Amino acid sequence: MAAGTRFSVGRPSGTCAATGASLAPGARVASAIVADDADAWRRLDVAEAAWVSGWRPDGSVVATWRGTMPEASDDAPARIIDDEELVALFDQIGDAEERSAIELRYVVALMLIRRRRLRVEGHAPEGLRVRRLTPTGGFADDGSTRIADPGFDDDQLEAAIERVTAVLLGGDAAEPDGEATEDGPA
């Protein structure tokens, strides 16, 4: 995200950060992005029972989401976080004022635009105006939402997208689906 932010995460480890127990494929998990004092980010996966019981990681929790532990395979699953979980993450960090959360929300918004869950209604130097879409393409709300622009140049934006994709989706590259349009990413 910011030029100095480092990510050391990728695919889910398959181990519960709270208990050290193995997380079986299909198990419900809570995942968190945690920033440490050096502004490095890491992804932690926790058994849902441990999360519900109140276990929380050390460090600053930037975002959390719930999902299912993917099947182990040599091929990375296309989406470890589904659209609904991504929308929930987008909503969760909506009021955050920390720079890292603003940057994360901007990139998550771009991902949701690509997945056709948000539509760009306008853009200005201070940010984007987007509108939420239903899975069938209708409007899910009555008005637009403003997404603050973190001021990325093209290289910073590309790096941020790759890093957030690695954190959220367990891969090493940006999502392959979607196309650019004159209003921005599809």
Protein backbone atom coordinates (compact mmCIF):
# COMPACT_ATOMS: atom_id res chain seq x y z
CA MET A 1 0.00 0.00 0.00
CA ALA A 2 2.19 2.90 1.09
CA ALA A 3 5.64 2.72 -0.45
CA GLY A 4 7.16 1.31 2.76
CA THR A 5 4.44 -1.20 3.57
CA ARG A 6 5.68 -4.80 3.32
CA PHE A 7 3.57 -7.92 2.98
CA SER A 8 4.84 -11.34 3.99
CA VAL A 9 1.68 -13.27 3.35
CA GLY A 10 0.21 -15.41 0.67
CA ARG A 11 -1.99 -18.43 0.78
CA PRO A 12 -3.61 -19.63 4.00
CA SER A 13 -1.17 -21.63 6.09
CA GLY A 14 -3.69 -24.27 7.12
CA THR A 15 -2.76 -23.72 10.77
CA CYS A 16 -4.86 -21.88 13.35
CA ALA A 17 -2.93 -18.84 14.64
CA ALA A 18 -4.72 -19.13 18.01
CA THR A 19 -4.27 -22.83 18.79
CA GLY A 20 -1.65 -24.11 16.37
CA ALA A 21 -4.09 -26.85 15.29
CA SER A 22 -4.48 -27.84 11.67
CA LEU A 23 -7.36 -26.18 9.79
CA ALA A 24 -9.07 -28.81 7.65
CA PRO A 25 -10.33 -27.96 4.16
CA GLY A 26 -13.89 -26.70 4.42
CA ALA A 27 -13.43 -25.51 8.03
CA ARG A 28 -14.92 -22.09 8.82
CA VAL A 29 -12.18 -19.58 9.64
CA ALA A 30 -11.76 -15.94 10.53
CA SER A 31 -8.89 -14.27 8.70
CA ALA A 32 -7.21 -11.04 9.73
CA ILE A 33 -4.73 -8.62 8.24
CA VAL A 34 -2.44 -7.48 11.04
CA ALA A 35 0.08 -4.62 10.89
CA ASP A 36 3.07 -4.69 13.22
CA ASP A 37 5.17 -1.78 14.50
CA ALA A 38 7.39 -1.87 11.39
CA ASP A 39 4.29 -1.41 9.17
CA ALA A 40 4.66 -4.94 7.81
CA TRP A 41 1.37 -6.73 7.16
CA ARG A 42 0.63 -10.38 7.61
CA ARG A 43 -2.39 -12.59 7.19
CA LEU A 44 -3.55 -14.84 10.03
CA ASP A 45 -6.18 -17.55 9.78
CA VAL A 46 -7.99 -18.62 12.96
CA ALA A 47 -10.51 -21.37 13.60
CA GLU A 48 -13.91 -19.70 13.79
CA ALA A 49 -14.52 -21.18 17.27
CA ALA A 50 -11.35 -19.52 18.61
CA TRP A 51 -12.32 -16.19 17.03
CA VAL A 52 -15.87 -16.34 18.42
CA SER A 53 -14.38 -17.21 21.84
CA GLY A 54 -12.54 -13.89 21.78
CA TRP A 55 -9.01 -14.72 20.61
CA ARG A 56 -7.39 -11.74 18.85
CA PRO A 57 -3.89 -11.36 17.40
CA ASP A 58 -1.18 -9.09 18.74
CA GLY A 59 -0.65 -5.98 16.64
CA SER A 60 -3.00 -3.63 14.89
CA VAL A 61 -5.84 -5.49 13.16
CA VAL A 62 -6.49 -3.66 9.89
CA ALA A 63 -9.32 -5.88 8.65
CA THR A 64 -11.04 -9.22 9.23
CA TRP A 65 -13.28 -11.48 7.20
CA ARG A 66 -14.75 -14.95 7.53
CA GLY A 67 -14.53 -17.73 5.03
CA THR A 68 -13.84 -21.39 4.47
CA MET A 69 -10.42 -23.04 4.43
CA PRO A 70 -9.77 -24.04 0.81
CA GLU A 71 -8.85 -27.52 -0.37
CA ALA A 72 -5.11 -28.15 -0.41
CA SER A 73 -3.77 -28.35 -3.96
CA ASP A 74 -0.84 -27.33 -6.06
CA ASP A 75 -3.08 -24.90 -7.93
CA ALA A 76 -4.20 -21.84 -5.98
CA PRO A 77 -7.98 -21.55 -5.76
CA ALA A 78 -9.31 -18.75 -7.91
CA ARG A 79 -11.05 -16.99 -5.00
CA ILE A 80 -10.35 -17.67 -1.36
CA ILE A 81 -12.57 -14.75 -0.40
CA ASP A 82 -15.91 -14.67 -2.18
CA ASP A 83 -17.81 -11.58 -3.32
CA GLU A 84 -20.01 -11.36 -0.22
CA GLU A 85 -17.00 -11.60 2.10
CA LEU A 86 -15.20 -8.94 0.05
CA VAL A 87 -18.26 -6.64 0.27
CA ALA A 88 -18.35 -7.21 4.06
CA LEU A 89 -14.66 -6.29 4.30
CA PHE A 90 -15.31 -3.18 2.19
CA ASP A 91 -18.12 -2.16 4.56
CA GLN A 92 -16.07 -2.91 7.68
CA ILE A 93 -13.28 -0.51 6.74
CA GLY A 94 -15.65 2.19 5.50
CA ASP A 95 -15.22 4.54 8.47
CA ALA A 96 -11.54 3.91 9.07
CA GLU A 97 -9.31 6.95 9.08
CA GLU A 98 -5.87 5.28 9.15
CA ARG A 99 -3.94 5.65 5.90
CA SER A 100 -3.42 1.89 5.53
CA ALA A 101 -7.17 1.23 5.85
CA ILE A 102 -7.98 3.98 3.32
CA GLU A 103 -5.51 2.41 0.89
CA LEU A 104 -6.93 -1.06 1.52
CA ARG A 105 -10.52 0.14 0.97
CA TYR A 106 -9.56 1.80 -2.31
CA VAL A 107 -8.00 -1.40 -3.64
CA VAL A 108 -10.90 -3.53 -2.37
CA ALA A 109 -13.26 -1.12 -4.16
CA LEU A 110 -11.33 -1.66 -7.39
CA MET A 111 -11.63 -5.42 -6.90
CA LEU A 112 -15.39 -5.09 -6.37
CA ILE A 113 -15.64 -2.94 -9.50
CA ARG A 114 -13.88 -5.70 -11.43
CA ARG A 115 -16.21 -8.29 -9.96
CA ARG A 116 -19.18 -6.09 -10.94
CA ARG A 117 -20.35 -5.58 -7.37
CA LEU A 118 -19.66 -1.82 -7.47
CA ARG A 119 -20.23 0.58 -10.36
CA VAL A 120 -18.27 3.81 -10.77
CA GLU A 121 -20.65 6.75 -10.87
CA GLY A 122 -18.02 9.45 -10.90
CA HIS A 123 -14.46 10.28 -10.04
CA ALA A 124 -12.56 13.35 -8.94
CA PRO A 125 -9.12 14.00 -7.47
CA GLU A 126 -10.45 13.35 -3.95
CA GLY A 127 -11.83 9.94 -4.85
CA LEU A 128 -14.40 7.75 -6.54
CA ARG A 129 -18.16 7.71 -6.22
CA VAL A 130 -19.43 4.15 -6.47
CA ARG A 131 -22.77 2.44 -6.24
CA ARG A 132 -23.31 -1.07 -4.92
CA LEU A 133 -24.76 -3.67 -7.29
CA THR A 134 -26.59 -6.89 -6.56
CA PRO A 135 -25.24 -10.16 -8.00
CA THR A 136 -27.80 -9.79 -10.81
CA GLY A 137 -26.66 -6.25 -11.70
CA GLY A 138 -29.39 -4.15 -10.08
CA PHE A 139 -28.67 -1.38 -7.61
CA ALA A 140 -28.39 -2.63 -4.03
CA ASP A 141 -28.69 0.80 -2.38
CA ASP A 142 -30.29 4.18 -2.84
CA GLY A 143 -27.19 6.28 -3.27
CA SER A 144 -23.51 6.38 -4.05
CA THR A 145 -20.59 5.96 -1.68
CA ARG A 146 -17.42 8.05 -1.75
CA ILE A 147 -14.11 6.19 -1.76
CA ALA A 148 -11.13 8.35 -0.78
CA ASP A 149 -8.28 8.34 -3.29
CA PRO A 150 -5.00 7.52 -1.51
CA GLY A 151 -3.01 9.30 -4.23
CA PHE A 152 -1.31 6.28 -5.79
CA ASP A 153 0.71 6.76 -8.94
CA ASP A 154 0.41 3.95 -11.52
CA ASP A 155 3.31 1.92 -10.11
CA GLN A 156 2.09 2.24 -6.51
CA LEU A 157 -1.43 1.23 -7.53
CA GLU A 158 -0.19 -1.82 -9.41
CA ALA A 159 1.97 -2.88 -6.45
CA ALA A 160 -0.91 -2.30 -4.01
CA ILE A 161 -3.30 -4.41 -6.08
CA GLU A 162 -0.80 -7.27 -6.24
CA ARG A 163 -0.12 -7.10 -2.50
CA VAL A 164 -3.78 -6.94 -1.48
CA THR A 165 -4.58 -9.78 -3.88
CA ALA A 166 -1.87 -11.88 -2.23
CA VAL A 167 -3.27 -11.08 1.23
CA LEU A 168 -6.94 -11.56 0.46
CA LEU A 169 -7.02 -14.09 -2.32
CA GLY A 170 -3.97 -16.17 -1.54
CA GLY A 171 -2.39 -15.57 -4.92
CA ASP A 172 0.60 -13.67 -6.20
CA ALA A 173 -0.97 -11.59 -8.96
CA ALA A 174 -3.95 -9.36 -9.64
CA GLU A 175 -7.28 -10.96 -10.46
CA PRO A 176 -7.42 -12.14 -14.05
CA ASP A 177 -11.08 -11.35 -14.72
CA GLY A 178 -12.45 -7.94 -15.70
CA GLU A 179 -11.51 -5.35 -18.26
CA ALA A 180 -10.79 -1.67 -18.18
CA THR A 181 -13.47 0.70 -19.44
CA GLU A 182 -13.47 4.40 -19.98
CA ASP A 183 -15.04 4.85 -16.53
CA GLY A 184 -12.29 2.80 -14.87
CA PRO A 185 -11.85 -0.89 -14.18
CA ALA A 186 -14.87 -3.00 -15.09
